[in-house]
Amino acid sequence: RWNEYMADILIWDADRAQPRLQEV
């Protein structure tokens, strides 16, 4: 529900995944 609530203001990838960043 939160993701649907935010969908109108966020740019999502097709699968809505948040890419995990690699720690360097």
PDBML (XML) file of the C-alpha atoms, coordinates in Angstrom:
<?xml version="1.0" encoding="UTF-8" ?>
<PDBx:datablock datablockName="MODEL"
   xmlns:PDBx="http://pdbml.pdb.org/schema/pdbx-v50.xsd"
   xmlns:xsi="http://www.w3.org/2001/XMLSchema-instance"
   xsi:schemaLocation="http://pdbml.pdb.org/schema/pdbx-v50.xsd pdbx-v50.xsd">
   <PDBx:atom_siteCategory>
      <PDBx:atom_site id="1">
         <PDBx:B_iso_or_equiv>0.00</PDBx:B_iso_or_equiv>
         <PDBx:Cartn_x>0.000</PDBx:Cartn_x>
         <PDBx:Cartn_y>0.000</PDBx:Cartn_y>
         <PDBx:Cartn_z>0.000</PDBx:Cartn_z>
         <PDBx:auth_asym_id>A</PDBx:auth_asym_id>
         <PDBx:auth_atom_id>CA</PDBx:auth_atom_id>
         <PDBx:auth_comp_id>ARG</PDBx:auth_comp_id>
         <PDBx:auth_seq_id>1</PDBx:auth_seq_id>
         <PDBx:group_PDB>ATOM</PDBx:group_PDB>
         <PDBx:label_alt_id xsi:nil="true" />
         <PDBx:label_asym_id>A</PDBx:label_asym_id>
         <PDBx:label_atom_id>CA</PDBx:label_atom_id>
         <PDBx:label_comp_id>ARG</PDBx:label_comp_id>
         <PDBx:label_entity_id>1</PDBx:label_entity_id>
         <PDBx:label_seq_id>1</PDBx:label_seq_id>
         <PDBx:occupancy>1.00</PDBx:occupancy>
         <PDBx:pdbx_PDB_model_num>1</PDBx:pdbx_PDB_model_num>
         <PDBx:type_symbol>C</PDBx:type_symbol>
      </PDBx:atom_site>
      <PDBx:atom_site id="2">
         <PDBx:B_iso_or_equiv>0.00</PDBx:B_iso_or_equiv>
         <PDBx:Cartn_x>2.865</PDBx:Cartn_x>
         <PDBx:Cartn_y>2.418</PDBx:Cartn_y>
         <PDBx:Cartn_z>0.800</PDBx:Cartn_z>
         <PDBx:auth_asym_id>A</PDBx:auth_asym_id>
         <PDBx:auth_atom_id>CA</PDBx:auth_atom_id>
         <PDBx:auth_comp_id>TRP</PDBx:auth_comp_id>
         <PDBx:auth_seq_id>2</PDBx:auth_seq_id>
         <PDBx:group_PDB>ATOM</PDBx:group_PDB>
         <PDBx:label_alt_id xsi:nil="true" />
         <PDBx:label_asym_id>A</PDBx:label_asym_id>
         <PDBx:label_atom_id>CA</PDBx:label_atom_id>
         <PDBx:label_comp_id>TRP</PDBx:label_comp_id>
         <PDBx:label_entity_id>1</PDBx:label_entity_id>
         <PDBx:label_seq_id>2</PDBx:label_seq_id>
         <PDBx:occupancy>1.00</PDBx:occupancy>
         <PDBx:pdbx_PDB_model_num>1</PDBx:pdbx_PDB_model_num>
         <PDBx:type_symbol>C</PDBx:type_symbol>
      </PDBx:atom_site>
      <PDBx:atom_site id="3">
         <PDBx:B_iso_or_equiv>0.00</PDBx:B_iso_or_equiv>
         <PDBx:Cartn_x>4.457</PDBx:Cartn_x>
         <PDBx:Cartn_y>1.732</PDBx:Cartn_y>
         <PDBx:Cartn_z>-2.581</PDBx:Cartn_z>
         <PDBx:auth_asym_id>A</PDBx:auth_asym_id>
         <PDBx:auth_atom_id>CA</PDBx:auth_atom_id>
         <PDBx:auth_comp_id>ASN</PDBx:auth_comp_id>
         <PDBx:auth_seq_id>3</PDBx:auth_seq_id>
         <PDBx:group_PDB>ATOM</PDBx:group_PDB>
         <PDBx:label_alt_id xsi:nil="true" />
         <PDBx:label_asym_id>A</PDBx:label_asym_id>
         <PDBx:label_atom_id>CA</PDBx:label_atom_id>
         <PDBx:label_comp_id>ASN</PDBx:label_comp_id>
         <PDBx:label_entity_id>1</PDBx:label_entity_id>
         <PDBx:label_seq_id>3</PDBx:label_seq_id>
         <PDBx:occupancy>1.00</PDBx:occupancy>
         <PDBx:pdbx_PDB_model_num>1</PDBx:pdbx_PDB_model_num>
         <PDBx:type_symbol>C</PDBx:type_symbol>
      </PDBx:atom_site>
      <PDBx:atom_site id="4">
         <PDBx:B_iso_or_equiv>0.00</PDBx:B_iso_or_equiv>
         <PDBx:Cartn_x>1.140</PDBx:Cartn_x>
         <PDBx:Cartn_y>2.448</PDBx:Cartn_y>
         <PDBx:Cartn_z>-4.307</PDBx:Cartn_z>
         <PDBx:auth_asym_id>A</PDBx:auth_asym_id>
         <PDBx:auth_atom_id>CA</PDBx:auth_atom_id>
         <PDBx:auth_comp_id>GLU</PDBx:auth_comp_id>
         <PDBx:auth_seq_id>4</PDBx:auth_seq_id>
         <PDBx:group_PDB>ATOM</PDBx:group_PDB>
         <PDBx:label_alt_id xsi:nil="true" />
         <PDBx:label_asym_id>A</PDBx:label_asym_id>
         <PDBx:label_atom_id>CA</PDBx:label_atom_id>
         <PDBx:label_comp_id>GLU</PDBx:label_comp_id>
         <PDBx:label_entity_id>1</PDBx:label_entity_id>
         <PDBx:label_seq_id>4</PDBx:label_seq_id>
         <PDBx:occupancy>1.00</PDBx:occupancy>
         <PDBx:pdbx_PDB_model_num>1</PDBx:pdbx_PDB_model_num>
         <PDBx:type_symbol>C</PDBx:type_symbol>
      </PDBx:atom_site>
      <PDBx:atom_site id="5">
         <PDBx:B_iso_or_equiv>0.00</PDBx:B_iso_or_equiv>
         <PDBx:Cartn_x>0.790</PDBx:Cartn_x>
         <PDBx:Cartn_y>5.644</PDBx:Cartn_y>
         <PDBx:Cartn_z>-2.247</PDBx:Cartn_z>
         <PDBx:auth_asym_id>A</PDBx:auth_asym_id>
         <PDBx:auth_atom_id>CA</PDBx:auth_atom_id>
         <PDBx:auth_comp_id>TYR</PDBx:auth_comp_id>
         <PDBx:auth_seq_id>5</PDBx:auth_seq_id>
         <PDBx:group_PDB>ATOM</PDBx:group_PDB>
         <PDBx:label_alt_id xsi:nil="true" />
         <PDBx:label_asym_id>A</PDBx:label_asym_id>
         <PDBx:label_atom_id>CA</PDBx:label_atom_id>
         <PDBx:label_comp_id>TYR</PDBx:label_comp_id>
         <PDBx:label_entity_id>1</PDBx:label_entity_id>
         <PDBx:label_seq_id>5</PDBx:label_seq_id>
         <PDBx:occupancy>1.00</PDBx:occupancy>
         <PDBx:pdbx_PDB_model_num>1</PDBx:pdbx_PDB_model_num>
         <PDBx:type_symbol>C</PDBx:type_symbol>
      </PDBx:atom_site>
      <PDBx:atom_site id="6">
         <PDBx:B_iso_or_equiv>0.00</PDBx:B_iso_or_equiv>
         <PDBx:Cartn_x>4.243</PDBx:Cartn_x>
         <PDBx:Cartn_y>6.782</PDBx:Cartn_y>
         <PDBx:Cartn_z>-3.388</PDBx:Cartn_z>
         <PDBx:auth_asym_id>A</PDBx:auth_asym_id>
         <PDBx:auth_atom_id>CA</PDBx:auth_atom_id>
         <PDBx:auth_comp_id>MET</PDBx:auth_comp_id>
         <PDBx:auth_seq_id>6</PDBx:auth_seq_id>
         <PDBx:group_PDB>ATOM</PDBx:group_PDB>
         <PDBx:label_alt_id xsi:nil="true" />
         <PDBx:label_asym_id>A</PDBx:label_asym_id>
         <PDBx:label_atom_id>CA</PDBx:label_atom_id>
         <PDBx:label_comp_id>MET</PDBx:label_comp_id>
         <PDBx:label_entity_id>1</PDBx:label_entity_id>
         <PDBx:label_seq_id>6</PDBx:label_seq_id>
         <PDBx:occupancy>1.00</PDBx:occupancy>
         <PDBx:pdbx_PDB_model_num>1</PDBx:pdbx_PDB_model_num>
         <PDBx:type_symbol>C</PDBx:type_symbol>
      </PDBx:atom_site>
      <PDBx:atom_site id="7">
         <PDBx:B_iso_or_equiv>0.00</PDBx:B_iso_or_equiv>
         <PDBx:Cartn_x>3.951</PDBx:Cartn_x>
         <PDBx:Cartn_y>5.639</PDBx:Cartn_y>
         <PDBx:Cartn_z>-7.022</PDBx:Cartn_z>
         <PDBx:auth_asym_id>A</PDBx:auth_asym_id>
         <PDBx:auth_atom_id>CA</PDBx:auth_atom_id>
         <PDBx:auth_comp_id>ALA</PDBx:auth_comp_id>
         <PDBx:auth_seq_id>7</PDBx:auth_seq_id>
         <PDBx:group_PDB>ATOM</PDBx:group_PDB>
         <PDBx:label_alt_id xsi:nil="true" />
         <PDBx:label_asym_id>A</PDBx:label_asym_id>
         <PDBx:label_atom_id>CA</PDBx:label_atom_id>
         <PDBx:label_comp_id>ALA</PDBx:label_comp_id>
         <PDBx:label_entity_id>1</PDBx:label_entity_id>
         <PDBx:label_seq_id>7</PDBx:label_seq_id>
         <PDBx:occupancy>1.00</PDBx:occupancy>
         <PDBx:pdbx_PDB_model_num>1</PDBx:pdbx_PDB_model_num>
         <PDBx:type_symbol>C</PDBx:type_symbol>
      </PDBx:atom_site>
      <PDBx:atom_site id="8">
         <PDBx:B_iso_or_equiv>0.00</PDBx:B_iso_or_equiv>
         <PDBx:Cartn_x>2.711</PDBx:Cartn_x>
         <PDBx:Cartn_y>9.003</PDBx:Cartn_y>
         <PDBx:Cartn_z>-8.320</PDBx:Cartn_z>
         <PDBx:auth_asym_id>A</PDBx:auth_asym_id>
         <PDBx:auth_atom_id>CA</PDBx:auth_atom_id>
         <PDBx:auth_comp_id>ASP</PDBx:auth_comp_id>
         <PDBx:auth_seq_id>8</PDBx:auth_seq_id>
         <PDBx:group_PDB>ATOM</PDBx:group_PDB>
         <PDBx:label_alt_id xsi:nil="true" />
         <PDBx:label_asym_id>A</PDBx:label_asym_id>
         <PDBx:label_atom_id>CA</PDBx:label_atom_id>
         <PDBx:label_comp_id>ASP</PDBx:label_comp_id>
         <PDBx:label_entity_id>1</PDBx:label_entity_id>
         <PDBx:label_seq_id>8</PDBx:label_seq_id>
         <PDBx:occupancy>1.00</PDBx:occupancy>
         <PDBx:pdbx_PDB_model_num>1</PDBx:pdbx_PDB_model_num>
         <PDBx:type_symbol>C</PDBx:type_symbol>
      </PDBx:atom_site>
      <PDBx:atom_site id="9">
         <PDBx:B_iso_or_equiv>0.00</PDBx:B_iso_or_equiv>
         <PDBx:Cartn_x>5.835</PDBx:Cartn_x>
         <PDBx:Cartn_y>10.850</PDBx:Cartn_y>
         <PDBx:Cartn_z>-7.143</PDBx:Cartn_z>
         <PDBx:auth_asym_id>A</PDBx:auth_asym_id>
         <PDBx:auth_atom_id>CA</PDBx:auth_atom_id>
         <PDBx:auth_comp_id>ILE</PDBx:auth_comp_id>
         <PDBx:auth_seq_id>9</PDBx:auth_seq_id>
         <PDBx:group_PDB>ATOM</PDBx:group_PDB>
         <PDBx:label_alt_id xsi:nil="true" />
         <PDBx:label_asym_id>A</PDBx:label_asym_id>
         <PDBx:label_atom_id>CA</PDBx:label_atom_id>
         <PDBx:label_comp_id>ILE</PDBx:label_comp_id>
         <PDBx:label_entity_id>1</PDBx:label_entity_id>
         <PDBx:label_seq_id>9</PDBx:label_seq_id>
         <PDBx:occupancy>1.00</PDBx:occupancy>
         <PDBx:pdbx_PDB_model_num>1</PDBx:pdbx_PDB_model_num>
         <PDBx:type_symbol>C</PDBx:type_symbol>
      </PDBx:atom_site>
      <PDBx:atom_site id="10">
         <PDBx:B_iso_or_equiv>0.00</PDBx:B_iso_or_equiv>
         <PDBx:Cartn_x>8.600</PDBx:Cartn_x>
         <PDBx:Cartn_y>8.253</PDBx:Cartn_y>
         <PDBx:Cartn_z>-7.566</PDBx:Cartn_z>
         <PDBx:auth_asym_id>A</PDBx:auth_asym_id>
         <PDBx:auth_atom_id>CA</PDBx:auth_atom_id>
         <PDBx:auth_comp_id>LEU</PDBx:auth_comp_id>
         <PDBx:auth_seq_id>10</PDBx:auth_seq_id>
         <PDBx:group_PDB>ATOM</PDBx:group_PDB>
         <PDBx:label_alt_id xsi:nil="true" />
         <PDBx:label_asym_id>A</PDBx:label_asym_id>
         <PDBx:label_atom_id>CA</PDBx:label_atom_id>
         <PDBx:label_comp_id>LEU</PDBx:label_comp_id>
         <PDBx:label_entity_id>1</PDBx:label_entity_id>
         <PDBx:label_seq_id>10</PDBx:label_seq_id>
         <PDBx:occupancy>1.00</PDBx:occupancy>
         <PDBx:pdbx_PDB_model_num>1</PDBx:pdbx_PDB_model_num>
         <PDBx:type_symbol>C</PDBx:type_symbol>
      </PDBx:atom_site>
      <PDBx:atom_site id="11">
         <PDBx:B_iso_or_equiv>0.00</PDBx:B_iso_or_equiv>
         <PDBx:Cartn_x>10.299</PDBx:Cartn_x>
         <PDBx:Cartn_y>6.914</PDBx:Cartn_y>
         <PDBx:Cartn_z>-10.659</PDBx:Cartn_z>
         <PDBx:auth_asym_id>A</PDBx:auth_asym_id>
         <PDBx:auth_atom_id>CA</PDBx:auth_atom_id>
         <PDBx:auth_comp_id>ILE</PDBx:auth_comp_id>
         <PDBx:auth_seq_id>11</PDBx:auth_seq_id>
         <PDBx:group_PDB>ATOM</PDBx:group_PDB>
         <PDBx:label_alt_id xsi:nil="true" />
         <PDBx:label_asym_id>A</PDBx:label_asym_id>
         <PDBx:label_atom_id>CA</PDBx:label_atom_id>
         <PDBx:label_comp_id>ILE</PDBx:label_comp_id>
         <PDBx:label_entity_id>1</PDBx:label_entity_id>
         <PDBx:label_seq_id>11</PDBx:label_seq_id>
         <PDBx:occupancy>1.00</PDBx:occupancy>
         <PDBx:pdbx_PDB_model_num>1</PDBx:pdbx_PDB_model_num>
         <PDBx:type_symbol>C</PDBx:type_symbol>
      </PDBx:atom_site>
      <PDBx:atom_site id="12">
         <PDBx:B_iso_or_equiv>0.00</PDBx:B_iso_or_equiv>
         <PDBx:Cartn_x>10.402</PDBx:Cartn_x>
         <PDBx:Cartn_y>3.142</PDBx:Cartn_y>
         <PDBx:Cartn_z>-10.283</PDBx:Cartn_z>
         <PDBx:auth_asym_id>A</PDBx:auth_asym_id>
         <PDBx:auth_atom_id>CA</PDBx:auth_atom_id>
         <PDBx:auth_comp_id>TRP</PDBx:auth_comp_id>
         <PDBx:auth_seq_id>12</PDBx:auth_seq_id>
         <PDBx:group_PDB>ATOM</PDBx:group_PDB>
         <PDBx:label_alt_id xsi:nil="true" />
         <PDBx:label_asym_id>A</PDBx:label_asym_id>
         <PDBx:label_atom_id>CA</PDBx:label_atom_id>
         <PDBx:label_comp_id>TRP</PDBx:label_comp_id>
         <PDBx:label_entity_id>1</PDBx:label_entity_id>
         <PDBx:label_seq_id>12</PDBx:label_seq_id>
         <PDBx:occupancy>1.00</PDBx:occupancy>
         <PDBx:pdbx_PDB_model_num>1</PDBx:pdbx_PDB_model_num>
         <PDBx:type_symbol>C</PDBx:type_symbol>
      </PDBx:atom_site>
      <PDBx:atom_site id="13">
         <PDBx:B_iso_or_equiv>0.00</PDBx:B_iso_or_equiv>
         <PDBx:Cartn_x>12.193</PDBx:Cartn_x>
         <PDBx:Cartn_y>0.536</PDBx:Cartn_y>
         <PDBx:Cartn_z>-12.308</PDBx:Cartn_z>
         <PDBx:auth_asym_id>A</PDBx:auth_asym_id>
         <PDBx:auth_atom_id>CA</PDBx:auth_atom_id>
         <PDBx:auth_comp_id>ASP</PDBx:auth_comp_id>
         <PDBx:auth_seq_id>13</PDBx:auth_seq_id>
         <PDBx:group_PDB>ATOM</PDBx:group_PDB>
         <PDBx:label_alt_id xsi:nil="true" />
         <PDBx:label_asym_id>A</PDBx:label_asym_id>
         <PDBx:label_atom_id>CA</PDBx:label_atom_id>
         <PDBx:label_comp_id>ASP</PDBx:label_comp_id>
         <PDBx:label_entity_id>1</PDBx:label_entity_id>
         <PDBx:label_seq_id>13</PDBx:label_seq_id>
         <PDBx:occupancy>1.00</PDBx:occupancy>
         <PDBx:pdbx_PDB_model_num>1</PDBx:pdbx_PDB_model_num>
         <PDBx:type_symbol>C</PDBx:type_symbol>
      </PDBx:atom_site>
      <PDBx:atom_site id="14">
         <PDBx:B_iso_or_equiv>0.00</PDBx:B_iso_or_equiv>
         <PDBx:Cartn_x>9.852</PDBx:Cartn_x>
         <PDBx:Cartn_y>-1.899</PDBx:Cartn_y>
         <PDBx:Cartn_z>-14.016</PDBx:Cartn_z>
         <PDBx:auth_asym_id>A</PDBx:auth_asym_id>
         <PDBx:auth_atom_id>CA</PDBx:auth_atom_id>
         <PDBx:auth_comp_id>ALA</PDBx:auth_comp_id>
         <PDBx:auth_seq_id>14</PDBx:auth_seq_id>
         <PDBx:group_PDB>ATOM</PDBx:group_PDB>
         <PDBx:label_alt_id xsi:nil="true" />
         <PDBx:label_asym_id>A</PDBx:label_asym_id>
         <PDBx:label_atom_id>CA</PDBx:label_atom_id>
         <PDBx:label_comp_id>ALA</PDBx:label_comp_id>
         <PDBx:label_entity_id>1</PDBx:label_entity_id>
         <PDBx:label_seq_id>14</PDBx:label_seq_id>
         <PDBx:occupancy>1.00</PDBx:occupancy>
         <PDBx:pdbx_PDB_model_num>1</PDBx:pdbx_PDB_model_num>
         <PDBx:type_symbol>C</PDBx:type_symbol>
      </PDBx:atom_site>
      <PDBx:atom_site id="15">
         <PDBx:B_iso_or_equiv>0.00</PDBx:B_iso_or_equiv>
         <PDBx:Cartn_x>10.068</PDBx:Cartn_x>
         <PDBx:Cartn_y>-4.361</PDBx:Cartn_y>
         <PDBx:Cartn_z>-11.115</PDBx:Cartn_z>
         <PDBx:auth_asym_id>A</PDBx:auth_asym_id>
         <PDBx:auth_atom_id>CA</PDBx:auth_atom_id>
         <PDBx:auth_comp_id>ASP</PDBx:auth_comp_id>
         <PDBx:auth_seq_id>15</PDBx:auth_seq_id>
         <PDBx:group_PDB>ATOM</PDBx:group_PDB>
         <PDBx:label_alt_id xsi:nil="true" />
         <PDBx:label_asym_id>A</PDBx:label_asym_id>
         <PDBx:label_atom_id>CA</PDBx:label_atom_id>
         <PDBx:label_comp_id>ASP</PDBx:label_comp_id>
         <PDBx:label_entity_id>1</PDBx:label_entity_id>
         <PDBx:label_seq_id>15</PDBx:label_seq_id>
         <PDBx:occupancy>1.00</PDBx:occupancy>
         <PDBx:pdbx_PDB_model_num>1</PDBx:pdbx_PDB_model_num>
         <PDBx:type_symbol>C</PDBx:type_symbol>
      </PDBx:atom_site>
      <PDBx:atom_site id="16">
         <PDBx:B_iso_or_equiv>0.00</PDBx:B_iso_or_equiv>
         <PDBx:Cartn_x>9.997</PDBx:Cartn_x>
         <PDBx:Cartn_y>-1.643</PDBx:Cartn_y>
         <PDBx:Cartn_z>-8.412</PDBx:Cartn_z>
         <PDBx:auth_asym_id>A</PDBx:auth_asym_id>
         <PDBx:auth_atom_id>CA</PDBx:auth_atom_id>
         <PDBx:auth_comp_id>ARG</PDBx:auth_comp_id>
         <PDBx:auth_seq_id>16</PDBx:auth_seq_id>
         <PDBx:group_PDB>ATOM</PDBx:group_PDB>
         <PDBx:label_alt_id xsi:nil="true" />
         <PDBx:label_asym_id>A</PDBx:label_asym_id>
         <PDBx:label_atom_id>CA</PDBx:label_atom_id>
         <PDBx:label_comp_id>ARG</PDBx:label_comp_id>
         <PDBx:label_entity_id>1</PDBx:label_entity_id>
         <PDBx:label_seq_id>16</PDBx:label_seq_id>
         <PDBx:occupancy>1.00</PDBx:occupancy>
         <PDBx:pdbx_PDB_model_num>1</PDBx:pdbx_PDB_model_num>
         <PDBx:type_symbol>C</PDBx:type_symbol>
      </PDBx:atom_site>
      <PDBx:atom_site id="17">
         <PDBx:B_iso_or_equiv>0.00</PDBx:B_iso_or_equiv>
         <PDBx:Cartn_x>13.192</PDBx:Cartn_x>
         <PDBx:Cartn_y>-3.042</PDBx:Cartn_y>
         <PDBx:Cartn_z>-6.935</PDBx:Cartn_z>
         <PDBx:auth_asym_id>A</PDBx:auth_asym_id>
         <PDBx:auth_atom_id>CA</PDBx:auth_atom_id>
         <PDBx:auth_comp_id>ALA</PDBx:auth_comp_id>
         <PDBx:auth_seq_id>17</PDBx:auth_seq_id>
         <PDBx:group_PDB>ATOM</PDBx:group_PDB>
         <PDBx:label_alt_id xsi:nil="true" />
         <PDBx:label_asym_id>A</PDBx:label_asym_id>
         <PDBx:label_atom_id>CA</PDBx:label_atom_id>
         <PDBx:label_comp_id>ALA</PDBx:label_comp_id>
         <PDBx:label_entity_id>1</PDBx:label_entity_id>
         <PDBx:label_seq_id>17</PDBx:label_seq_id>
         <PDBx:occupancy>1.00</PDBx:occupancy>
         <PDBx:pdbx_PDB_model_num>1</PDBx:pdbx_PDB_model_num>
         <PDBx:type_symbol>C</PDBx:type_symbol>
      </PDBx:atom_site>
      <PDBx:atom_site id="18">
         <PDBx:B_iso_or_equiv>0.00</PDBx:B_iso_or_equiv>
         <PDBx:Cartn_x>15.492</PDBx:Cartn_x>
         <PDBx:Cartn_y>-0.755</PDBx:Cartn_y>
         <PDBx:Cartn_z>-5.036</PDBx:Cartn_z>
         <PDBx:auth_asym_id>A</PDBx:auth_asym_id>
         <PDBx:auth_atom_id>CA</PDBx:auth_atom_id>
         <PDBx:auth_comp_id>GLN</PDBx:auth_comp_id>
         <PDBx:auth_seq_id>18</PDBx:auth_seq_id>
         <PDBx:group_PDB>ATOM</PDBx:group_PDB>
         <PDBx:label_alt_id xsi:nil="true" />
         <PDBx:label_asym_id>A</PDBx:label_asym_id>
         <PDBx:label_atom_id>CA</PDBx:label_atom_id>
         <PDBx:label_comp_id>GLN</PDBx:label_comp_id>
         <PDBx:label_entity_id>1</PDBx:label_entity_id>
         <PDBx:label_seq_id>18</PDBx:label_seq_id>
         <PDBx:occupancy>1.00</PDBx:occupancy>
         <PDBx:pdbx_PDB_model_num>1</PDBx:pdbx_PDB_model_num>
         <PDBx:type_symbol>C</PDBx:type_symbol>
      </PDBx:atom_site>
      <PDBx:atom_site id="19">
         <PDBx:B_iso_or_equiv>0.00</PDBx:B_iso_or_equiv>
         <PDBx:Cartn_x>18.932</PDBx:Cartn_x>
         <PDBx:Cartn_y>-1.709</PDBx:Cartn_y>
         <PDBx:Cartn_z>-6.303</PDBx:Cartn_z>
         <PDBx:auth_asym_id>A</PDBx:auth_asym_id>
         <PDBx:auth_atom_id>CA</PDBx:auth_atom_id>
         <PDBx:auth_comp_id>PRO</PDBx:auth_comp_id>
         <PDBx:auth_seq_id>19</PDBx:auth_seq_id>
         <PDBx:group_PDB>ATOM</PDBx:group_PDB>
         <PDBx:label_alt_id xsi:nil="true" />
         <PDBx:label_asym_id>A</PDBx:label_asym_id>
         <PDBx:label_atom_id>CA</PDBx:label_atom_id>
         <PDBx:label_comp_id>PRO</PDBx:label_comp_id>
         <PDBx:label_entity_id>1</PDBx:label_entity_id>
         <PDBx:label_seq_id>19</PDBx:label_seq_id>
         <PDBx:occupancy>1.00</PDBx:occupancy>
         <PDBx:pdbx_PDB_model_num>1</PDBx:pdbx_PDB_model_num>
         <PDBx:type_symbol>C</PDBx:type_symbol>
      </PDBx:atom_site>
      <PDBx:atom_site id="20">
         <PDBx:B_iso_or_equiv>0.00</PDBx:B_iso_or_equiv>
         <PDBx:Cartn_x>21.233</PDBx:Cartn_x>
         <PDBx:Cartn_y>-2.546</PDBx:Cartn_y>
         <PDBx:Cartn_z>-3.436</PDBx:Cartn_z>
         <PDBx:auth_asym_id>A</PDBx:auth_asym_id>
         <PDBx:auth_atom_id>CA</PDBx:auth_atom_id>
         <PDBx:auth_comp_id>ARG</PDBx:auth_comp_id>
         <PDBx:auth_seq_id>20</PDBx:auth_seq_id>
         <PDBx:group_PDB>ATOM</PDBx:group_PDB>
         <PDBx:label_alt_id xsi:nil="true" />
         <PDBx:label_asym_id>A</PDBx:label_asym_id>
         <PDBx:label_atom_id>CA</PDBx:label_atom_id>
         <PDBx:label_comp_id>ARG</PDBx:label_comp_id>
         <PDBx:label_entity_id>1</PDBx:label_entity_id>
         <PDBx:label_seq_id>20</PDBx:label_seq_id>
         <PDBx:occupancy>1.00</PDBx:occupancy>
         <PDBx:pdbx_PDB_model_num>1</PDBx:pdbx_PDB_model_num>
         <PDBx:type_symbol>C</PDBx:type_symbol>
      </PDBx:atom_site>
      <PDBx:atom_site id="21">
         <PDBx:B_iso_or_equiv>0.00</PDBx:B_iso_or_equiv>
         <PDBx:Cartn_x>24.414</PDBx:Cartn_x>
         <PDBx:Cartn_y>-0.525</PDBx:Cartn_y>
         <PDBx:Cartn_z>-3.529</PDBx:Cartn_z>
         <PDBx:auth_asym_id>A</PDBx:auth_asym_id>
         <PDBx:auth_atom_id>CA</PDBx:auth_atom_id>
         <PDBx:auth_comp_id>LEU</PDBx:auth_comp_id>
         <PDBx:auth_seq_id>21</PDBx:auth_seq_id>
         <PDBx:group_PDB>ATOM</PDBx:group_PDB>
         <PDBx:label_alt_id xsi:nil="true" />
         <PDBx:label_asym_id>A</PDBx:label_asym_id>
         <PDBx:label_atom_id>CA</PDBx:label_atom_id>
         <PDBx:label_comp_id>LEU</PDBx:label_comp_id>
         <PDBx:label_entity_id>1</PDBx:label_entity_id>
         <PDBx:label_seq_id>21</PDBx:label_seq_id>
         <PDBx:occupancy>1.00</PDBx:occupancy>
         <PDBx:pdbx_PDB_model_num>1</PDBx:pdbx_PDB_model_num>
         <PDBx:type_symbol>C</PDBx:type_symbol>
      </PDBx:atom_site>
      <PDBx:atom_site id="22">
         <PDBx:B_iso_or_equiv>0.00</PDBx:B_iso_or_equiv>
         <PDBx:Cartn_x>27.785</PDBx:Cartn_x>
         <PDBx:Cartn_y>-2.157</PDBx:Cartn_y>
         <PDBx:Cartn_z>-3.048</PDBx:Cartn_z>
         <PDBx:auth_asym_id>A</PDBx:auth_asym_id>
         <PDBx:auth_atom_id>CA</PDBx:auth_atom_id>
         <PDBx:auth_comp_id>GLN</PDBx:auth_comp_id>
         <PDBx:auth_seq_id>22</PDBx:auth_seq_id>
         <PDBx:group_PDB>ATOM</PDBx:group_PDB>
         <PDBx:label_alt_id xsi:nil="true" />
         <PDBx:label_asym_id>A</PDBx:label_asym_id>
         <PDBx:label_atom_id>CA</PDBx:label_atom_id>
         <PDBx:label_comp_id>GLN</PDBx:label_comp_id>
         <PDBx:label_entity_id>1</PDBx:label_entity_id>
         <PDBx:label_seq_id>22</PDBx:label_seq_id>
         <PDBx:occupancy>1.00</PDBx:occupancy>
         <PDBx:pdbx_PDB_model_num>1</PDBx:pdbx_PDB_model_num>
         <PDBx:type_symbol>C</PDBx:type_symbol>
      </PDBx:atom_site>
      <PDBx:atom_site id="23">
         <PDBx:B_iso_or_equiv>0.00</PDBx:B_iso_or_equiv>
         <PDBx:Cartn_x>29.771</PDBx:Cartn_x>
         <PDBx:Cartn_y>-0.999</PDBx:Cartn_y>
         <PDBx:Cartn_z>-0.030</PDBx:Cartn_z>
         <PDBx:auth_asym_id>A</PDBx:auth_asym_id>
         <PDBx:auth_atom_id>CA</PDBx:auth_atom_id>
         <PDBx:auth_comp_id>GLU</PDBx:auth_comp_id>
         <PDBx:auth_seq_id>23</PDBx:auth_seq_id>
         <PDBx:group_PDB>ATOM</PDBx:group_PDB>
         <PDBx:label_alt_id xsi:nil="true" />
         <PDBx:label_asym_id>A</PDBx:label_asym_id>
         <PDBx:label_atom_id>CA</PDBx:label_atom_id>
         <PDBx:label_comp_id>GLU</PDBx:label_comp_id>
         <PDBx:label_entity_id>1</PDBx:label_entity_id>
         <PDBx:label_seq_id>23</PDBx:label_seq_id>
         <PDBx:occupancy>1.00</PDBx:occupancy>
         <PDBx:pdbx_PDB_model_num>1</PDBx:pdbx_PDB_model_num>
         <PDBx:type_symbol>C</PDBx:type_symbol>
      </PDBx:atom_site>
      <PDBx:atom_site id="24">
         <PDBx:B_iso_or_equiv>0.00</PDBx:B_iso_or_equiv>
         <PDBx:Cartn_x>33.231</PDBx:Cartn_x>
         <PDBx:Cartn_y>0.204</PDBx:Cartn_y>
         <PDBx:Cartn_z>-1.065</PDBx:Cartn_z>
         <PDBx:auth_asym_id>A</PDBx:auth_asym_id>
         <PDBx:auth_atom_id>CA</PDBx:auth_atom_id>
         <PDBx:auth_comp_id>VAL</PDBx:auth_comp_id>
         <PDBx:auth_seq_id>24</PDBx:auth_seq_id>
         <PDBx:group_PDB>ATOM</PDBx:group_PDB>
         <PDBx:label_alt_id xsi:nil="true" />
         <PDBx:label_asym_id>A</PDBx:label_asym_id>
         <PDBx:label_atom_id>CA</PDBx:label_atom_id>
         <PDBx:label_comp_id>VAL</PDBx:label_comp_id>
         <PDBx:label_entity_id>1</PDBx:label_entity_id>
         <PDBx:label_seq_id>24</PDBx:label_seq_id>
         <PDBx:occupancy>1.00</PDBx:occupancy>
         <PDBx:pdbx_PDB_model_num>1</PDBx:pdbx_PDB_model_num>
         <PDBx:type_symbol>C</PDBx:type_symbol>
      </PDBx:atom_site>
   </PDBx:atom_siteCategory>
</PDBx:datablock>
